[in-house]
N, C-alpha and C. Protein backbone atom coordinates (compact mmCIF):
# COMPACT_ATOMS: atom_id res chain seq x y z
N MET A 1 31.23 -16.85 -113.66
CA MET A 1 31.78 -18.55 -112.92
C MET A 1 30.36 -19.25 -112.91
N ASP A 2 31.38 -20.68 -112.44
CA ASP A 2 30.22 -22.08 -112.65
C ASP A 2 29.09 -21.84 -111.51
N PHE A 3 27.97 -22.08 -111.23
CA PHE A 3 27.10 -22.68 -110.30
C PHE A 3 27.43 -24.24 -110.39
N ALA A 4 27.68 -24.33 -108.64
CA ALA A 4 27.07 -25.85 -108.13
C ALA A 4 25.78 -26.62 -108.13
N THR A 5 25.17 -25.70 -108.36
CA THR A 5 23.82 -26.18 -108.47
C THR A 5 23.37 -26.12 -110.03
N ASN A 6 22.18 -25.86 -109.93
CA ASN A 6 21.59 -25.95 -112.24
C ASN A 6 21.36 -24.59 -111.82
N ILE A 7 22.14 -23.98 -111.58
CA ILE A 7 21.61 -22.19 -111.53
C ILE A 7 22.03 -22.79 -112.98
N ASP A 8 21.45 -21.94 -114.03
CA ASP A 8 22.68 -21.30 -115.99
C ASP A 8 22.31 -20.54 -115.24
N PHE A 9 21.91 -19.21 -115.00
CA PHE A 9 22.45 -17.92 -114.30
C PHE A 9 21.82 -17.29 -113.55
N ILE A 10 22.08 -16.04 -113.75
CA ILE A 10 20.86 -15.00 -112.95
C ILE A 10 22.03 -13.11 -113.52
N ASP A 11 20.15 -12.70 -114.15
CA ASP A 11 20.67 -11.30 -114.34
C ASP A 11 20.03 -10.42 -114.10
N TYR A 12 20.50 -9.45 -113.78
CA TYR A 12 19.65 -8.01 -113.24
C TYR A 12 19.61 -7.39 -114.81
N ILE A 13 18.17 -7.21 -115.08
CA ILE A 13 18.11 -6.23 -115.75
C ILE A 13 17.20 -5.28 -115.95
N GLU A 14 16.86 -3.77 -116.81
CA GLU A 14 16.35 -3.15 -116.63
C GLU A 14 15.17 -2.73 -117.78
N VAL A 15 14.07 -2.67 -117.72
CA VAL A 15 12.93 -2.57 -118.79
C VAL A 15 12.66 -1.44 -119.10
N PRO A 16 13.08 0.11 -119.52
CA PRO A 16 13.05 1.00 -120.17
C PRO A 16 11.07 0.94 -120.57
N PRO A 17 10.68 2.50 -119.99
CA PRO A 17 8.83 2.81 -120.37
C PRO A 17 8.03 2.45 -121.74
N GLY A 18 7.39 1.13 -121.97
CA GLY A 18 7.44 0.96 -123.55
C GLY A 18 8.22 0.48 -124.26
N VAL A 19 8.85 -0.56 -123.11
CA VAL A 19 9.78 -1.64 -124.24
C VAL A 19 9.33 -2.54 -123.16
N SER A 20 9.48 -3.56 -124.29
CA SER A 20 8.74 -5.10 -124.79
C SER A 20 10.05 -6.07 -124.81
N ILE A 21 10.13 -7.07 -123.43
CA ILE A 21 10.68 -8.15 -123.72
C ILE A 21 9.38 -9.84 -124.47
N GLY A 22 9.76 -9.75 -125.14
CA GLY A 22 8.88 -10.35 -126.54
C GLY A 22 8.49 -11.34 -126.08
N THR A 23 7.51 -11.65 -126.80
CA THR A 23 7.11 -13.67 -125.72
C THR A 23 7.88 -14.11 -126.68
N HIS A 24 8.93 -15.65 -125.69
CA HIS A 24 9.08 -16.25 -126.48
C HIS A 24 9.10 -17.51 -125.82
N GLN A 25 9.83 -18.48 -126.07
CA GLN A 25 9.55 -20.13 -124.89
C GLN A 25 10.61 -20.07 -125.37
N HIS A 26 10.95 -20.43 -124.53
CA HIS A 26 12.62 -21.59 -123.06
C HIS A 26 12.83 -23.43 -124.35
N GLY A 27 13.35 -23.25 -123.32
CA GLY A 27 13.25 -25.10 -124.09
C GLY A 27 13.18 -26.04 -122.29
N TYR A 28 14.23 -26.23 -122.35
CA TYR A 28 14.52 -27.37 -120.93
C TYR A 28 14.73 -26.43 -119.58
N ASN A 29 14.20 -25.37 -119.21
CA ASN A 29 14.28 -24.60 -118.40
C ASN A 29 13.37 -24.09 -117.79
N GLU A 30 13.85 -23.32 -116.83
CA GLU A 30 12.46 -22.88 -116.15
C GLU A 30 12.78 -21.70 -116.06
N GLU A 31 12.21 -20.25 -115.53
CA GLU A 31 12.83 -18.85 -115.02
C GLU A 31 12.16 -18.51 -114.99
N ILE A 32 12.70 -18.07 -113.82
CA ILE A 32 11.76 -17.14 -112.79
C ILE A 32 12.56 -15.11 -112.21
N TYR A 33 10.91 -14.55 -112.68
CA TYR A 33 11.00 -12.94 -113.35
C TYR A 33 10.98 -12.60 -111.33
N PHE A 34 11.74 -11.96 -110.66
CA PHE A 34 11.68 -11.01 -109.64
C PHE A 34 11.67 -9.17 -109.88
N ILE A 35 9.96 -8.55 -109.82
CA ILE A 35 9.88 -7.97 -110.26
C ILE A 35 10.46 -6.87 -108.82
N VAL A 36 11.90 -6.25 -108.47
CA VAL A 36 12.58 -5.66 -107.82
C VAL A 36 11.72 -3.88 -108.05
N GLU A 37 12.09 -2.58 -108.60
CA GLU A 37 11.09 -1.64 -108.77
C GLU A 37 9.94 -1.98 -110.33
N GLY A 38 8.88 -1.17 -110.12
CA GLY A 38 8.09 -1.00 -111.62
C GLY A 38 6.86 -1.72 -111.01
N SER A 39 6.10 -1.65 -112.68
CA SER A 39 4.92 -1.95 -112.76
C SER A 39 5.18 -2.87 -114.95
N GLY A 40 4.47 -3.06 -115.06
CA GLY A 40 3.94 -3.48 -116.15
C GLY A 40 3.37 -5.08 -116.67
N THR A 41 2.75 -6.03 -117.59
CA THR A 41 2.11 -7.21 -117.70
C THR A 41 2.85 -8.21 -118.73
N MET A 42 3.51 -9.26 -118.18
CA MET A 42 3.54 -10.15 -118.12
C MET A 42 2.12 -11.22 -119.33
N SER A 43 2.69 -11.58 -119.66
CA SER A 43 2.17 -12.97 -120.53
C SER A 43 2.85 -13.58 -120.33
N ILE A 44 1.87 -15.14 -119.94
CA ILE A 44 2.52 -16.48 -119.36
C ILE A 44 1.07 -17.93 -120.44
N GLU A 45 1.72 -17.88 -121.15
CA GLU A 45 1.02 -18.36 -122.30
C GLU A 45 -0.63 -18.92 -122.22
N GLY A 46 -0.76 -17.53 -122.96
CA GLY A 46 -1.18 -16.75 -123.66
C GLY A 46 -2.27 -16.06 -122.76
N LYS A 47 -1.97 -15.93 -121.49
CA LYS A 47 -3.00 -15.18 -119.97
C LYS A 47 -2.11 -13.86 -120.15
N GLU A 48 -2.66 -12.91 -119.35
CA GLU A 48 -2.07 -11.59 -119.30
C GLU A 48 -1.54 -11.35 -118.06
N TYR A 49 -0.97 -11.22 -117.33
CA TYR A 49 -1.31 -10.26 -116.01
C TYR A 49 -0.92 -9.35 -115.40
N ASN A 50 -1.24 -8.19 -114.49
CA ASN A 50 -0.60 -7.62 -113.86
C ASN A 50 0.97 -7.69 -112.93
N VAL A 51 1.93 -7.35 -112.79
CA VAL A 51 2.55 -8.08 -112.41
C VAL A 51 3.21 -6.55 -111.95
N LYS A 52 4.41 -6.32 -110.31
CA LYS A 52 4.45 -4.74 -109.53
C LYS A 52 5.75 -5.74 -108.84
N SER A 53 5.66 -3.97 -107.96
CA SER A 53 7.33 -4.59 -107.33
C SER A 53 7.05 -5.51 -106.54
N GLY A 54 7.41 -5.88 -105.99
CA GLY A 54 7.71 -7.58 -104.72
C GLY A 54 7.27 -8.56 -105.50
N ASP A 55 7.17 -8.93 -106.42
CA ASP A 55 6.05 -9.98 -107.13
C ASP A 55 7.09 -10.79 -108.08
N VAL A 56 6.71 -12.50 -107.84
CA VAL A 56 7.61 -13.54 -108.14
C VAL A 56 6.78 -14.81 -109.68
N ILE A 57 7.63 -14.02 -110.36
CA ILE A 57 6.94 -14.90 -111.76
C ILE A 57 7.82 -16.29 -112.20
N ILE A 58 7.08 -17.26 -112.16
CA ILE A 58 7.73 -18.84 -112.85
C ILE A 58 6.77 -18.95 -113.51
N ASN A 59 8.19 -18.80 -114.20
CA ASN A 59 7.58 -19.26 -116.12
C ASN A 59 8.45 -21.19 -116.25
N LYS A 60 7.56 -21.47 -116.69
CA LYS A 60 7.86 -22.69 -116.42
C LYS A 60 8.86 -23.50 -117.95
N ILE A 61 9.08 -24.53 -117.60
CA ILE A 61 10.17 -25.66 -118.37
C ILE A 61 9.28 -25.56 -120.23
N ASN A 62 9.82 -25.44 -121.12
CA ASN A 62 8.73 -25.33 -122.30
C ASN A 62 7.59 -24.59 -122.16
N GLY A 63 7.87 -23.52 -121.60
CA GLY A 63 6.52 -22.18 -120.75
C GLY A 63 6.66 -20.69 -122.71
N THR A 64 5.75 -20.07 -122.82
CA THR A 64 5.73 -19.47 -123.63
C THR A 64 5.66 -18.07 -123.39
N HIS A 65 6.49 -17.43 -122.73
CA HIS A 65 6.19 -15.98 -121.88
C HIS A 65 7.08 -14.65 -122.53
N GLY A 66 6.35 -13.20 -121.70
CA GLY A 66 7.28 -12.08 -122.31
C GLY A 66 6.79 -11.50 -121.54
N LEU A 67 7.28 -9.66 -121.91
CA LEU A 67 7.10 -8.76 -120.44
C LEU A 67 6.93 -7.35 -121.36
N ILE A 68 6.11 -6.51 -120.96
CA ILE A 68 5.94 -5.30 -121.35
C ILE A 68 6.48 -4.15 -120.06
N ASN A 69 6.18 -3.08 -120.30
CA ASN A 69 5.77 -1.64 -119.24
C ASN A 69 5.78 -1.53 -120.10
N HIS A 70 4.40 -0.78 -119.46
CA HIS A 70 3.96 -0.44 -120.00
C HIS A 70 3.40 1.16 -119.03
N SER A 71 4.29 1.05 -117.57
CA SER A 71 4.95 2.42 -116.68
C SER A 71 5.80 3.15 -117.61
N SER A 72 5.82 4.28 -116.92
CA SER A 72 6.43 5.97 -116.55
C SER A 72 7.79 6.04 -116.46
N ASP A 73 8.47 4.51 -115.41
CA ASP A 73 9.51 3.99 -115.04
C ASP A 73 9.85 2.78 -115.11
N ASP A 74 11.15 2.72 -114.95
CA ASP A 74 11.70 1.83 -115.48
C ASP A 74 11.48 0.83 -114.49
N MET A 75 11.00 -0.46 -115.07
CA MET A 75 11.26 -1.89 -114.42
C MET A 75 12.43 -2.40 -113.95
N LYS A 76 12.78 -2.99 -112.65
CA LYS A 76 13.73 -3.81 -112.25
C LYS A 76 13.61 -4.56 -111.97
N ILE A 77 14.36 -5.48 -113.08
CA ILE A 77 14.10 -7.09 -112.51
C ILE A 77 15.48 -8.12 -112.72
N PHE A 78 15.32 -8.83 -111.72
CA PHE A 78 15.81 -9.67 -111.38
C PHE A 78 15.58 -10.89 -112.67
N ILE A 79 16.15 -12.48 -112.94
CA ILE A 79 16.09 -13.20 -114.01
C ILE A 79 17.20 -14.93 -113.19
N PHE A 80 15.99 -15.89 -112.99
CA PHE A 80 17.18 -16.90 -112.58
C PHE A 80 16.77 -17.38 -113.99
N GLN A 81 17.98 -18.61 -114.28
CA GLN A 81 17.33 -19.55 -115.03
C GLN A 81 17.70 -20.54 -114.58
N VAL A 82 16.91 -21.24 -113.68
CA VAL A 82 17.60 -23.17 -114.50
C VAL A 82 17.02 -24.34 -114.99
N LYS A 83 18.61 -24.73 -114.88
CA LYS A 83 18.05 -25.27 -116.36
C LYS A 83 17.94 -27.35 -115.50
N GLN A 84 17.50 -28.73 -115.98
CA GLN A 84 16.99 -29.09 -115.20
C GLN A 84 17.46 -30.22 -116.70
């Protein structure tokens, strides 16, 4: 399905305990992470932040970010990508 807006995709993922979404950089788009359940550590521009259920994290255009689940439970996350 194509969106009428600049939303590129909406993904739902589950990150198992000990698994990482490696640090990476996007091009000319933003990503918004909505943590539905669980907790972990998000790296944004080289700084680390503890994240948990209910948190919304915005990864800016050309930004560098990553995520690791340090907990013993799955992290459940919605990721929205908006192209500019």
